[in-house]
Protein backbone atom coordinates (compact mmCIF):
# COMPACT_ATOMS: atom_id res chain seq x y z
CA MET A 1 0.28 -0.10 0.04
CA LYS A 2 1.50 3.45 -0.98
CA LEU A 3 0.65 6.55 1.28
CA LEU A 4 1.70 10.46 0.20
CA HIS A 5 2.35 12.26 3.27
CA LEU A 6 2.11 15.69 2.89
CA ASP A 7 2.90 18.62 5.49
CA SER A 8 2.58 22.62 5.25
CA GLY A 9 2.64 24.06 8.38
CA LEU A 10 5.28 26.73 8.31
CA PHE A 11 7.27 26.69 11.72
CA GLU A 12 9.21 23.07 11.22
CA ASN A 13 9.97 22.65 15.12
CA GLN A 14 6.57 23.93 16.53
CA SER A 15 4.09 23.27 14.24
CA VAL A 16 0.94 21.13 15.65
CA THR A 17 0.00 19.64 12.02
CA ARG A 18 3.60 18.05 11.52
CA GLN A 19 3.92 16.64 14.63
CA LEU A 20 0.48 14.95 14.58
CA SER A 21 0.52 14.31 10.92
CA ALA A 22 4.29 12.51 11.89
CA ARG A 23 2.22 10.29 14.50
CA ILE A 24 -0.31 9.10 11.94
CA VAL A 25 1.97 8.04 10.05
CA GLU A 26 4.41 6.72 11.88
CA GLN A 27 1.30 4.35 13.47
CA LEU A 28 0.15 3.06 10.27
CA ARG A 29 4.03 2.32 9.29
CA ALA A 30 3.76 0.73 12.77
CA THR A 31 0.48 -1.68 11.53
CA THR A 32 2.20 -2.07 8.00
CA PRO A 33 5.72 -2.83 7.97
CA ALA A 34 5.47 -2.97 3.93
CA LEU A 35 3.97 0.47 3.88
CA ASP A 36 5.51 2.71 1.09
CA ILE A 37 5.37 6.41 2.17
CA VAL A 38 5.99 9.46 -0.41
CA TYR A 39 7.03 12.29 1.75
CA ARG A 40 6.38 15.83 0.58
CA ASP A 41 7.17 18.98 2.66
CA LEU A 42 4.96 21.85 0.81
CA ILE A 43 6.92 24.32 2.72
CA ARG A 44 10.32 23.13 2.06
CA ASN A 45 9.78 22.44 -1.68
CA ALA A 46 6.63 24.23 -2.52
CA PRO A 47 5.15 24.23 -5.72
CA SER A 48 4.65 27.48 -7.72
CA HIS A 49 1.46 29.18 -7.48
CA LEU A 50 -0.20 29.26 -10.51
CA SER A 51 0.41 32.09 -13.43
CA GLY A 52 -1.16 32.48 -16.73
CA GLU A 53 2.18 31.02 -18.13
CA ILE A 54 1.59 28.03 -16.24
CA LEU A 55 -1.92 27.81 -16.93
CA ALA A 56 -1.30 28.11 -20.72
CA GLY A 57 1.42 25.98 -21.05
CA GLY A 58 -0.48 22.68 -19.95
CA GLY A 59 -2.75 22.99 -23.30
CA LEU A 60 0.22 23.53 -25.28
CA THR A 61 2.59 20.27 -26.81
CA GLU A 62 6.11 20.00 -25.37
CA GLU A 63 7.41 21.75 -28.55
CA GLU A 64 5.30 24.51 -28.24
CA ARG A 65 6.23 25.04 -23.77
CA ASN A 66 8.94 27.54 -23.34
CA VAL A 67 11.51 26.05 -21.08
CA HIS A 68 9.69 27.27 -17.77
CA GLN A 69 6.37 25.71 -18.68
CA ARG A 70 7.68 22.63 -19.19
CA GLU A 71 9.69 22.60 -15.79
CA GLU A 72 6.75 23.35 -14.13
CA ALA A 73 4.39 20.60 -16.49
CA ALA A 74 7.11 18.19 -15.33
CA THR A 75 6.08 19.32 -11.56
CA THR A 76 2.75 18.82 -11.98
CA GLU A 77 2.92 15.42 -13.39
CA THR A 78 5.15 14.43 -10.56
CA LEU A 79 2.66 15.91 -7.99
CA LEU A 80 -0.32 13.93 -10.01
CA GLU A 81 1.60 11.00 -9.93
CA GLU A 82 2.72 10.90 -6.38
CA PHE A 83 -1.54 11.58 -5.70
CA LEU A 84 -2.73 9.35 -8.25
CA THR A 85 -0.49 6.11 -7.51
CA ALA A 86 -1.62 6.73 -3.22
CA GLU A 87 -4.58 4.74 -1.35
CA VAL A 88 -4.16 7.17 1.55
CA ILE A 89 -3.02 10.50 2.02
CA VAL A 90 -2.09 12.27 4.93
CA VAL A 91 -2.50 16.05 4.61
CA GLY A 92 -1.09 18.23 7.48
CA ALA A 93 -3.14 21.51 6.90
CA PRO A 94 -2.79 24.48 9.76
CA MET A 95 -5.70 27.32 9.39
CA TYR A 96 -3.91 30.56 8.57
CA ASN A 97 -6.21 33.47 8.52
CA PHE A 98 -9.15 31.09 8.35
CA ALA A 99 -8.02 28.74 5.33
CA ILE A 100 -5.38 26.64 4.44
CA PRO A 101 -1.68 27.35 3.59
CA SER A 102 -1.24 28.60 -0.10
CA GLN A 103 1.47 26.30 -0.46
CA LEU A 104 -1.24 23.94 0.05
CA LYS A 105 -3.15 25.41 -2.20
CA ALA A 106 -0.68 25.57 -4.63
CA TRP A 107 -0.60 21.86 -4.59
CA LEU A 108 -4.34 21.35 -5.11
CA ASP A 109 -4.12 23.30 -7.77
CA ARG A 110 -1.90 21.10 -9.55
CA ILE A 111 -3.71 18.06 -8.60
CA LEU A 112 -7.45 19.14 -9.50
CA GLN A 113 -6.83 18.29 -13.60
CA ALA A 114 -9.80 17.85 -15.92
CA GLY A 115 -9.64 14.79 -17.66
CA LYS A 116 -7.23 13.29 -14.36
CA THR A 117 -9.02 13.62 -11.25
CA PHE A 118 -12.53 15.13 -12.57
CA ARG A 119 -13.97 15.57 -15.70
CA TYR A 120 -16.99 17.36 -16.86
CA THR A 121 -20.50 15.93 -17.75
CA GLU A 122 -23.75 17.25 -19.54
CA SER A 123 -24.90 17.06 -15.67
CA GLY A 124 -22.28 18.26 -14.10
CA PRO A 125 -18.55 17.59 -12.91
CA VAL A 126 -17.64 14.17 -11.79
CA GLY A 127 -14.73 13.12 -9.69
CA LEU A 128 -12.27 10.40 -11.11
CA ALA A 129 -10.09 10.16 -8.00
CA GLY A 130 -12.17 8.22 -5.54
CA GLY A 131 -11.17 5.22 -3.67
CA ARG A 132 -8.57 6.87 -1.16
CA LYS A 133 -8.85 7.90 1.84
CA VAL A 134 -7.58 11.11 2.89
CA ILE A 135 -6.75 11.99 6.51
CA VAL A 136 -6.34 15.76 7.55
CA VAL A 137 -4.82 17.29 10.11
CA SER A 138 -6.07 20.14 11.21
CA SER A 139 -5.15 22.76 13.73
CA ARG A 140 -6.12 26.58 14.49
CA GLY A 141 -5.48 28.90 17.51
CA GLY A 142 -8.85 29.53 18.05
CA ILE A 143 -12.24 27.76 18.16
CA TYR A 144 -14.00 27.07 14.94
CA SER A 145 -15.76 24.14 15.14
CA GLN A 146 -18.46 25.36 16.80
CA GLY A 147 -19.47 28.65 18.04
CA PRO A 148 -19.76 32.38 16.44
CA ASP A 149 -16.27 31.84 14.42
CA ALA A 150 -17.77 28.49 12.72
CA GLU A 151 -18.87 30.55 10.16
CA ASN A 152 -14.93 31.98 9.05
CA ASP A 153 -13.75 28.09 8.53
CA PHE A 154 -12.57 28.27 5.32
CA GLN A 155 -10.02 25.60 6.18
CA GLU A 156 -11.84 22.44 6.72
CA ARG A 157 -15.25 22.94 4.75
CA TYR A 158 -12.59 24.02 1.81
CA LEU A 159 -10.61 20.59 2.17
CA ARG A 160 -13.64 18.73 2.28
CA ALA A 161 -15.12 20.63 -0.82
CA VAL A 162 -11.94 20.09 -3.02
CA PHE A 163 -11.72 16.54 -1.91
CA GLY A 164 -15.36 15.55 -2.87
CA PHE A 165 -15.16 17.15 -5.87
CA ILE A 166 -12.61 14.71 -6.97
CA GLY A 167 -14.65 11.74 -5.98
CA ILE A 168 -13.02 11.29 -2.89
CA ASP A 169 -15.97 10.72 0.19
CA ASP A 170 -13.81 9.05 2.59
CA VAL A 171 -11.77 12.05 4.44
CA THR A 172 -11.28 12.15 7.98
CA ILE A 173 -9.90 15.24 10.30
CA ILE A 174 -7.99 15.07 13.00
CA ARG A 175 -8.51 18.39 14.79
CA ALA A 176 -6.83 20.37 17.23
CA GLU A 177 -8.17 23.67 18.15
CA GLY A 178 -7.52 26.36 20.55
CA VAL A 179 -4.13 25.79 20.38
CA ALA A 180 -3.72 29.35 20.89
CA MET A 181 -5.66 29.95 23.99
CA GLY A 182 -3.69 29.03 26.84
CA ASP A 183 -1.35 26.17 27.71
CA GLU A 184 -4.05 24.07 28.98
CA MET A 185 -6.42 24.35 25.98
CA ARG A 186 -3.57 23.80 24.06
CA GLN A 187 -2.48 20.69 26.09
CA SER A 188 -6.05 19.31 26.14
CA ALA A 189 -6.61 19.60 22.45
CA LEU A 190 -3.45 18.13 21.65
CA ASN A 191 -4.67 15.23 23.68
CA ALA A 192 -7.87 15.11 22.17
CA ALA A 193 -6.15 14.65 19.17
CA HIS A 194 -3.59 11.65 20.03
CA GLU A 195 -6.74 9.88 20.98
CA ALA A 196 -8.59 10.71 17.66
CA ILE A 197 -5.21 9.18 15.75
CA ALA A 198 -5.14 6.22 18.15
CA ARG A 199 -8.67 5.87 17.24
CA GLN A 200 -7.98 5.43 13.47
CA ALA A 201 -8.58 2.33 11.17
CA THR A 202 -4.98 0.88 10.34
CA PRO A 203 -4.15 0.55 6.24
CA ARG A 204 -5.74 -3.00 5.78
CA GLN A 205 -8.80 -1.88 7.41
CA VAL A 206 -8.91 1.14 5.38
CA ALA A 207 -8.47 -1.20 2.22
């Protein structure tokens, strides 16, 4: 079984999502020694954000593309292959300013490809990437799962929507929120997240 592990927390040593996503992968590796893991740090090796030049290059032949477009097309193909060959995807996705990190959005912009992960039909778009399990590790400084700030959650809701768009309905959220609301609240959030991780299915159960 192949697992794709993505991290997008900006702070390598302080990131809650990096710590928790690593714990999930460690648990899955322990239950399935033959697990094939591909790791991509979207901060250290961030995909370029889409530009008109990059987007236009997707519709050109190799000969028609300029050097930059060829490089970016190769990056897109690599990211797509990593995603499409994975059966489990673990995504570390902290909330920054109510939404996901721009580097994670840049990765999503590369894998949302018509004809590859979705297609348009007369009755609307159809996802082509179903049959995978996505585990999203979410961290928030405040509380957004309920209460007055719930309407400002453009992080978890967006990720569910975008993965659903390409056909993935098996999305689990491991959440640690309120981590900036004092030491006690932070530790409580981490404890709850670790308990949720411990309850996760093994890869064999996922399959």
